[in-house]
N, C-alpha and C. Protein backbone atom coordinates (compact mmCIF):
# COMPACT_ATOMS: atom_id res chain seq x y z
N MET A 1 96.32 65.47 -150.37
CA MET A 1 97.56 66.14 -150.60
C MET A 1 98.45 65.32 -151.54
N ASN A 2 99.01 65.96 -152.51
CA ASN A 2 99.84 65.30 -153.48
C ASN A 2 101.27 65.41 -153.02
N ILE A 3 101.86 64.30 -152.53
CA ILE A 3 103.20 64.31 -152.02
C ILE A 3 104.22 64.57 -153.08
N TYR A 4 103.84 64.38 -154.35
CA TYR A 4 104.82 64.56 -155.41
C TYR A 4 105.15 66.08 -155.66
N GLN A 5 104.35 66.93 -155.09
CA GLN A 5 104.58 68.40 -155.23
C GLN A 5 105.82 68.76 -154.56
N PHE A 6 106.34 67.94 -153.62
CA PHE A 6 107.54 68.25 -152.88
C PHE A 6 108.79 67.90 -153.66
N LEU A 7 108.65 67.17 -154.76
CA LEU A 7 109.76 66.68 -155.54
C LEU A 7 109.96 67.66 -156.76
N ASP A 8 111.19 67.86 -157.20
CA ASP A 8 111.41 68.60 -158.37
C ASP A 8 110.83 67.89 -159.59
N HIS A 9 110.65 68.54 -160.68
CA HIS A 9 109.98 68.04 -161.89
C HIS A 9 110.62 66.75 -162.36
N SER A 10 111.89 66.65 -162.43
CA SER A 10 112.63 65.47 -162.88
C SER A 10 112.35 64.28 -162.00
N GLU A 11 112.42 64.47 -160.66
CA GLU A 11 112.08 63.42 -159.69
C GLU A 11 110.67 63.00 -159.81
N GLN A 12 109.74 63.91 -160.02
CA GLN A 12 108.36 63.59 -160.26
C GLN A 12 108.22 62.68 -161.42
N GLN A 13 108.87 62.96 -162.54
CA GLN A 13 108.76 62.19 -163.73
C GLN A 13 109.34 60.76 -163.47
N LYS A 14 110.45 60.69 -162.81
CA LYS A 14 111.06 59.36 -162.49
C LYS A 14 110.09 58.51 -161.67
N THR A 15 109.44 59.15 -160.69
CA THR A 15 108.47 58.50 -159.86
C THR A 15 107.27 58.05 -160.60
N TYR A 16 106.71 58.86 -161.51
CA TYR A 16 105.59 58.44 -162.38
C TYR A 16 105.99 57.32 -163.33
N LEU A 17 107.19 57.37 -163.82
CA LEU A 17 107.69 56.30 -164.73
C LEU A 17 107.78 55.04 -163.98
N LEU A 18 108.34 55.01 -162.76
CA LEU A 18 108.50 53.78 -161.97
C LEU A 18 107.09 53.25 -161.58
N ARG A 19 106.18 54.08 -161.17
CA ARG A 19 104.81 53.65 -160.86
C ARG A 19 104.07 53.07 -162.04
N PHE A 20 104.26 53.68 -163.21
CA PHE A 20 103.71 53.18 -164.48
C PHE A 20 104.29 51.78 -164.74
N LEU A 21 105.60 51.70 -164.71
CA LEU A 21 106.25 50.38 -164.99
C LEU A 21 105.70 49.30 -164.03
N GLU A 22 105.65 49.71 -162.79
CA GLU A 22 105.19 48.73 -161.72
C GLU A 22 103.77 48.27 -161.99
N SER A 23 102.92 49.20 -162.43
CA SER A 23 101.51 48.76 -162.70
C SER A 23 101.33 47.99 -164.02
N HIS A 24 102.31 47.98 -164.81
CA HIS A 24 102.34 47.28 -166.09
C HIS A 24 103.44 46.27 -166.24
N HIS A 25 103.88 45.73 -165.06
CA HIS A 25 105.09 44.85 -165.07
C HIS A 25 104.90 43.59 -165.81
N ALA A 26 103.69 43.14 -166.04
CA ALA A 26 103.53 41.83 -166.68
C ALA A 26 103.35 41.98 -168.25
N GLU A 27 103.59 43.18 -168.77
CA GLU A 27 103.41 43.24 -170.20
C GLU A 27 104.53 44.06 -170.79
N TYR A 28 104.67 43.86 -172.14
CA TYR A 28 105.69 44.57 -172.92
C TYR A 28 105.18 45.96 -173.12
N LEU A 29 106.04 46.97 -172.88
CA LEU A 29 105.65 48.33 -172.96
C LEU A 29 106.48 49.01 -174.06
N PRO A 30 105.92 49.41 -175.18
CA PRO A 30 106.68 50.13 -176.13
C PRO A 30 106.91 51.51 -175.62
N SER A 31 108.09 52.05 -176.02
CA SER A 31 108.45 53.34 -175.52
C SER A 31 107.41 54.39 -175.84
N GLN A 32 106.73 54.29 -177.00
CA GLN A 32 105.78 55.28 -177.34
C GLN A 32 104.64 55.34 -176.34
N LYS A 33 104.24 54.19 -175.82
CA LYS A 33 103.17 54.17 -174.79
C LYS A 33 103.61 54.88 -173.56
N ILE A 34 104.86 54.75 -173.15
CA ILE A 34 105.37 55.40 -171.95
C ILE A 34 105.44 56.89 -172.25
N MET A 35 105.99 57.23 -173.37
CA MET A 35 106.13 58.62 -173.74
C MET A 35 104.80 59.32 -173.78
N ASP A 36 103.81 58.66 -174.32
CA ASP A 36 102.47 59.24 -174.27
C ASP A 36 101.91 59.44 -172.96
N PHE A 37 102.09 58.42 -172.06
CA PHE A 37 101.59 58.52 -170.72
C PHE A 37 102.21 59.64 -169.99
N LEU A 38 103.51 59.84 -170.13
CA LEU A 38 104.24 60.86 -169.38
C LEU A 38 104.28 62.16 -170.11
N SER A 39 103.90 62.18 -171.39
CA SER A 39 103.93 63.45 -172.22
C SER A 39 105.41 63.91 -172.35
N ILE A 40 106.31 63.01 -172.67
CA ILE A 40 107.68 63.35 -172.83
C ILE A 40 108.20 62.86 -174.16
N SER A 41 109.38 63.37 -174.55
CA SER A 41 110.03 62.91 -175.80
C SER A 41 110.84 61.66 -175.60
N ASN A 42 111.26 61.00 -176.66
CA ASN A 42 112.15 59.85 -176.53
C ASN A 42 113.43 60.18 -175.85
N PHE A 43 114.04 61.30 -176.13
CA PHE A 43 115.19 61.73 -175.46
C PHE A 43 115.04 61.84 -173.97
N LYS A 44 113.90 62.43 -173.54
CA LYS A 44 113.73 62.54 -172.07
C LYS A 44 113.44 61.24 -171.42
N LEU A 45 112.77 60.35 -172.12
CA LEU A 45 112.52 59.02 -171.56
C LEU A 45 113.86 58.27 -171.44
N GLN A 46 114.72 58.36 -172.37
CA GLN A 46 116.06 57.66 -172.32
C GLN A 46 116.83 58.29 -171.14
N ARG A 47 116.79 59.60 -170.99
CA ARG A 47 117.49 60.23 -169.88
C ARG A 47 116.90 59.77 -168.53
N LEU A 48 115.60 59.69 -168.44
CA LEU A 48 114.97 59.32 -167.15
C LEU A 48 115.41 57.85 -166.78
N ILE A 49 115.37 56.99 -167.84
CA ILE A 49 115.79 55.54 -167.55
C ILE A 49 117.24 55.53 -167.19
N ASP A 50 118.17 56.31 -167.79
CA ASP A 50 119.52 56.34 -167.34
C ASP A 50 119.71 56.81 -165.93
N GLU A 51 119.00 57.83 -165.55
CA GLU A 51 119.05 58.37 -164.19
C GLU A 51 118.52 57.37 -163.17
N ILE A 52 117.41 56.69 -163.47
CA ILE A 52 116.90 55.72 -162.61
C ILE A 52 117.85 54.57 -162.37
N ASN A 53 118.44 54.13 -163.46
CA ASN A 53 119.44 53.03 -163.41
C ASN A 53 120.66 53.44 -162.54
N GLU A 54 121.06 54.72 -162.69
CA GLU A 54 122.18 55.18 -161.87
C GLU A 54 121.73 55.19 -160.40
N ASP A 55 120.50 55.67 -160.12
CA ASP A 55 119.99 55.64 -158.78
C ASP A 55 119.92 54.30 -158.13
N PHE A 56 119.52 53.36 -158.94
CA PHE A 56 119.50 51.92 -158.43
C PHE A 56 120.84 51.45 -158.03
N GLN A 57 121.96 51.89 -158.78
CA GLN A 57 123.34 51.46 -158.45
C GLN A 57 123.84 52.08 -157.20
N GLU A 58 123.26 53.14 -156.71
CA GLU A 58 123.72 53.84 -155.54
C GLU A 58 123.21 53.13 -154.19
N HIS A 59 122.25 52.29 -154.30
CA HIS A 59 121.68 51.72 -153.05
C HIS A 59 121.86 50.13 -153.08
N PRO A 60 122.41 49.58 -152.09
CA PRO A 60 122.72 48.16 -152.04
C PRO A 60 121.52 47.31 -152.31
N GLU A 61 120.33 47.70 -151.85
CA GLU A 61 119.13 46.86 -151.96
C GLU A 61 118.60 46.91 -153.38
N THR A 62 119.06 47.81 -154.26
CA THR A 62 118.54 47.88 -155.56
C THR A 62 119.62 47.68 -156.65
N THR A 63 120.79 47.32 -156.32
CA THR A 63 121.88 47.21 -157.31
C THR A 63 121.62 46.20 -158.44
N LYS A 64 120.78 45.26 -158.15
CA LYS A 64 120.45 44.25 -159.17
C LYS A 64 119.34 44.63 -160.05
N LEU A 65 118.72 45.73 -159.79
CA LEU A 65 117.59 46.28 -160.57
C LEU A 65 118.12 47.07 -161.76
N GLN A 66 117.47 47.00 -162.89
CA GLN A 66 117.81 47.82 -164.03
C GLN A 66 116.56 47.80 -164.98
N ILE A 67 116.39 48.96 -165.58
CA ILE A 67 115.36 49.13 -166.62
C ILE A 67 116.11 48.94 -167.95
N ASN A 68 115.69 47.97 -168.74
CA ASN A 68 116.35 47.73 -170.01
C ASN A 68 115.65 48.46 -171.17
N ARG A 69 116.45 49.03 -172.02
CA ARG A 69 115.88 49.63 -173.26
C ARG A 69 116.20 48.78 -174.42
N LYS A 70 115.17 48.36 -175.19
CA LYS A 70 115.44 47.52 -176.31
C LYS A 70 114.87 48.14 -177.51
């Protein structure tokens, strides 16, 4: 059973992005590689990153986490 089916599309994409970043944490990831993996545009990637960073700020245990865009 795919538990992601219970999430809306945007939440699924955020989860996939976080899992991808987690599995590649030791390497530099160009945005194009992430966009290709998720099949999304640069605009959508930037929006997902902003949403994830906002989500991090809402929870005390993750307030020090942030995804940086360079």
